[in-house]
Amino acid sequence: MRKHAWWQGPAAGMAGVVVMTLAEKAEQRLTGRPDSHVPARTLQRLTGLPEHPGGRQPVPVNLAMHVGQGALLGVLRSVMAHAGLRGPWSSAQFAVVRFTSDQILENATGVGAPPPTWPRRELVVDLFHKTVYAFVTGAVADALAARSGPGPGQRHAAARPGRHADAGPVPRAQVRGR
């Protein structure tokens, strides 16, 4: 499970980043919203790189943070899929993780502010784009993990459908996929 997640996760995360970026560009064309340079400023502060004065930051630094964070978080979504956490419910859970990851990094570096302080429209747009990322990443991670068969959680659920207080865990051999 873990071996596959190390290469499948970044692939799934990159797919999510590509679709999220396309959605952002389409939304920006419709709304006139400018590019955000928060990812670049966050990476600059995390790495000690110098920040450029004014609003605009180097596009390669912005892309490096945008793509790097998306690929790295894809590993987590792949681990979820291999464990048996697949489908829309799991992608919705992952959307919260994706948004939270941004907020931790942006707020810890002083680049961002807590979401409740944002204008509502800006918050809705950001949540929408992170959700697009999460669902695309989830769909790819789920499809790649499905090639290995059901995950331990899925095998456990199949043993006795529904929640039962007296249902014990699956045997260790089934956790490893044997």
Protein backbone atom coordinates (compact mmCIF):
# COMPACT_ATOMS: atom_id res chain seq x y z
CA MET A 1 0.00 0.00 0.00
CA ARG A 2 2.60 2.55 1.04
CA LYS A 3 4.91 1.93 -1.91
CA HIS A 4 2.14 2.69 -4.38
CA ALA A 5 1.05 5.84 -2.54
CA TRP A 6 4.48 7.44 -2.98
CA TRP A 7 4.15 7.56 -6.76
CA GLN A 8 0.38 7.42 -7.22
CA GLY A 9 -0.24 10.27 -4.76
CA PRO A 10 1.84 12.90 -6.56
CA ALA A 11 0.31 11.80 -9.88
CA ALA A 12 -3.20 12.19 -8.45
CA GLY A 13 -2.27 15.49 -6.81
CA MET A 14 -0.82 16.83 -10.07
CA ALA A 15 -4.04 15.95 -11.89
CA GLY A 16 -5.94 17.84 -9.20
CA VAL A 17 -3.63 20.86 -9.51
CA VAL A 18 -4.02 20.97 -13.31
CA VAL A 19 -7.82 20.89 -13.18
CA MET A 20 -7.96 23.34 -10.25
CA THR A 21 -5.67 25.74 -12.12
CA LEU A 22 -7.80 25.52 -15.26
CA ALA A 23 -10.92 26.18 -13.16
CA GLU A 24 -9.20 29.15 -11.50
CA LYS A 25 -8.20 30.64 -14.84
CA ALA A 26 -11.74 30.22 -16.20
CA GLU A 27 -13.22 31.77 -13.04
CA GLN A 28 -10.74 34.67 -13.21
CA ARG A 29 -11.67 35.33 -16.82
CA LEU A 30 -15.34 35.49 -15.84
CA THR A 31 -14.99 37.48 -12.61
CA GLY A 32 -11.94 39.63 -13.33
CA ARG A 33 -10.29 38.42 -10.11
CA PRO A 34 -6.50 38.90 -10.26
CA ASP A 35 -3.94 36.18 -9.64
CA SER A 36 -3.16 35.43 -6.00
CA HIS A 37 0.46 35.71 -4.93
CA VAL A 38 -0.18 34.21 -1.51
CA PRO A 39 1.34 30.83 -2.49
CA ALA A 40 4.61 32.53 -3.54
CA ARG A 41 4.80 34.65 -0.39
CA THR A 42 4.12 31.58 1.76
CA LEU A 43 6.91 29.59 0.07
CA GLN A 44 9.28 32.54 0.32
CA ARG A 45 8.68 32.78 4.05
CA LEU A 46 8.91 29.03 4.60
CA THR A 47 12.23 28.81 2.77
CA GLY A 48 13.78 32.17 3.65
CA LEU A 49 13.72 33.35 0.03
CA PRO A 50 13.50 37.12 -0.36
CA GLU A 51 10.05 38.58 -0.98
CA HIS A 52 9.61 41.02 -3.81
CA PRO A 53 8.24 44.42 -2.84
CA GLY A 54 4.73 45.20 -4.03
CA GLY A 55 1.98 42.74 -4.78
CA ARG A 56 3.35 40.63 -7.63
CA GLN A 57 5.69 37.76 -6.85
CA PRO A 58 7.67 35.60 -9.30
CA VAL A 59 5.37 33.24 -11.20
CA PRO A 60 7.78 30.27 -10.88
CA VAL A 61 7.75 30.60 -7.07
CA ASN A 62 3.95 30.82 -7.08
CA LEU A 63 3.73 27.72 -9.28
CA ALA A 64 6.28 25.83 -7.21
CA MET A 65 4.16 26.26 -4.07
CA HIS A 66 0.88 25.63 -5.88
CA VAL A 67 2.11 22.46 -7.61
CA GLY A 68 4.36 21.23 -4.81
CA GLN A 69 1.69 21.42 -2.14
CA GLY A 70 -0.86 19.77 -4.43
CA ALA A 71 1.50 16.90 -5.32
CA LEU A 72 2.57 16.38 -1.71
CA LEU A 73 -1.00 16.32 -0.37
CA GLY A 74 -1.88 13.86 -3.14
CA VAL A 75 0.18 11.30 -1.22
CA LEU A 76 -2.22 11.58 1.70
CA ARG A 77 -5.24 11.11 -0.58
CA SER A 78 -3.56 8.07 -2.13
CA VAL A 79 -2.95 6.59 1.33
CA MET A 80 -6.64 7.18 2.08
CA ALA A 81 -7.64 5.37 -1.13
CA HIS A 82 -5.35 2.41 -0.45
CA ALA A 83 -6.76 2.12 3.07
CA GLY A 84 -10.23 1.84 1.57
CA LEU A 85 -11.36 5.46 2.03
CA ARG A 86 -12.63 6.04 -1.49
CA GLY A 87 -15.41 7.89 -3.24
CA PRO A 88 -17.08 11.28 -2.86
CA TRP A 89 -17.34 11.10 0.94
CA SER A 90 -13.58 10.62 1.23
CA SER A 91 -12.90 13.35 -1.31
CA ALA A 92 -15.08 15.73 0.72
CA GLN A 93 -13.05 14.86 3.82
CA PHE A 94 -9.88 15.51 1.83
CA ALA A 95 -11.16 18.91 0.67
CA VAL A 96 -11.14 19.99 4.33
CA VAL A 97 -7.55 18.74 4.67
CA ARG A 98 -6.50 20.66 1.53
CA PHE A 99 -8.05 23.91 2.73
CA THR A 100 -6.66 23.41 6.25
CA SER A 101 -3.16 22.79 4.91
CA ASP A 102 -3.24 26.14 3.10
CA GLN A 103 -4.52 27.92 6.17
CA ILE A 104 -1.92 26.46 8.51
CA LEU A 105 0.96 27.46 6.23
CA GLU A 106 -0.43 30.89 5.31
CA ASN A 107 -1.39 31.86 8.86
CA ALA A 108 1.76 30.44 10.49
CA THR A 109 3.93 32.51 8.14
CA GLY A 110 1.83 35.66 8.58
CA VAL A 111 0.95 35.73 4.89
CA GLY A 112 -2.72 34.91 5.36
CA ALA A 113 -5.51 35.71 7.74
CA PRO A 114 -8.10 33.36 9.26
CA PRO A 115 -10.91 32.58 6.77
CA PRO A 116 -13.69 34.07 8.95
CA THR A 117 -12.05 37.47 8.36
CA TRP A 118 -12.14 37.15 4.55
CA PRO A 119 -14.75 38.71 2.29
CA ARG A 120 -17.42 36.01 1.75
CA ARG A 121 -16.99 35.95 -2.02
CA GLU A 122 -13.25 35.33 -1.69
CA LEU A 123 -13.88 32.52 0.78
CA VAL A 124 -16.45 30.84 -1.47
CA VAL A 125 -14.12 31.04 -4.47
CA ASP A 126 -11.20 29.54 -2.54
CA LEU A 127 -13.34 26.76 -1.08
CA PHE A 128 -14.70 25.97 -4.55
CA HIS A 129 -11.23 25.66 -6.08
CA LYS A 130 -9.88 23.53 -3.23
CA THR A 131 -12.93 21.27 -3.57
CA VAL A 132 -12.29 20.88 -7.30
CA TYR A 133 -8.71 19.90 -6.48
CA ALA A 134 -9.84 17.43 -3.80
CA PHE A 135 -12.42 15.67 -5.97
CA VAL A 136 -10.16 15.36 -9.02
CA THR A 137 -7.26 14.18 -6.87
CA GLY A 138 -9.62 11.73 -5.17
CA ALA A 139 -10.97 10.35 -8.42
CA VAL A 140 -7.47 9.68 -9.74
CA ALA A 141 -6.20 8.28 -6.42
CA ASP A 142 -9.26 6.04 -6.12
CA ALA A 143 -8.86 4.73 -9.67
CA LEU A 144 -5.17 3.99 -9.16
CA ALA A 145 -5.75 2.33 -5.77
CA ALA A 146 -8.60 0.23 -7.17
CA ARG A 147 -6.07 -1.53 -9.40
CA SER A 148 -4.69 -3.09 -6.17
CA GLY A 149 -8.15 -4.29 -5.12
CA PRO A 150 -10.17 -3.29 -2.07
CA GLY A 151 -8.43 -1.67 0.87
CA PRO A 152 -8.53 -3.06 4.42
CA GLY A 153 -11.41 -0.78 5.37
CA GLN A 154 -13.43 -1.96 2.38
CA ARG A 155 -12.70 -5.61 3.22
CA HIS A 156 -13.84 -4.98 6.78
CA ALA A 157 -17.06 -3.32 5.58
CA ALA A 158 -17.76 -6.20 3.19
CA ALA A 159 -17.36 -8.80 5.94
CA ARG A 160 -20.48 -7.54 7.71
CA PRO A 161 -22.26 -4.58 6.08
CA GLY A 162 -23.50 -1.84 8.38
CA ARG A 163 -22.18 -0.71 11.76
CA HIS A 164 -22.31 -3.34 14.48
CA ALA A 165 -20.93 -3.01 18.00
CA ASP A 166 -19.88 -6.65 18.01
CA ALA A 167 -18.02 -6.63 14.67
CA GLY A 168 -14.31 -7.14 15.26
CA PRO A 169 -11.48 -6.17 12.94
CA VAL A 170 -10.53 -8.19 9.89
CA PRO A 171 -7.66 -10.66 10.40
CA ARG A 172 -4.16 -9.20 9.99
CA ALA A 173 -3.57 -11.18 6.80
CA GLN A 174 -6.52 -9.37 5.17
CA VAL A 175 -5.16 -5.96 6.18
CA ARG A 176 -2.07 -6.62 4.10
CA GLY A 177 -4.20 -7.78 1.17
CA ARG A 178 -3.42 -11.49 1.34
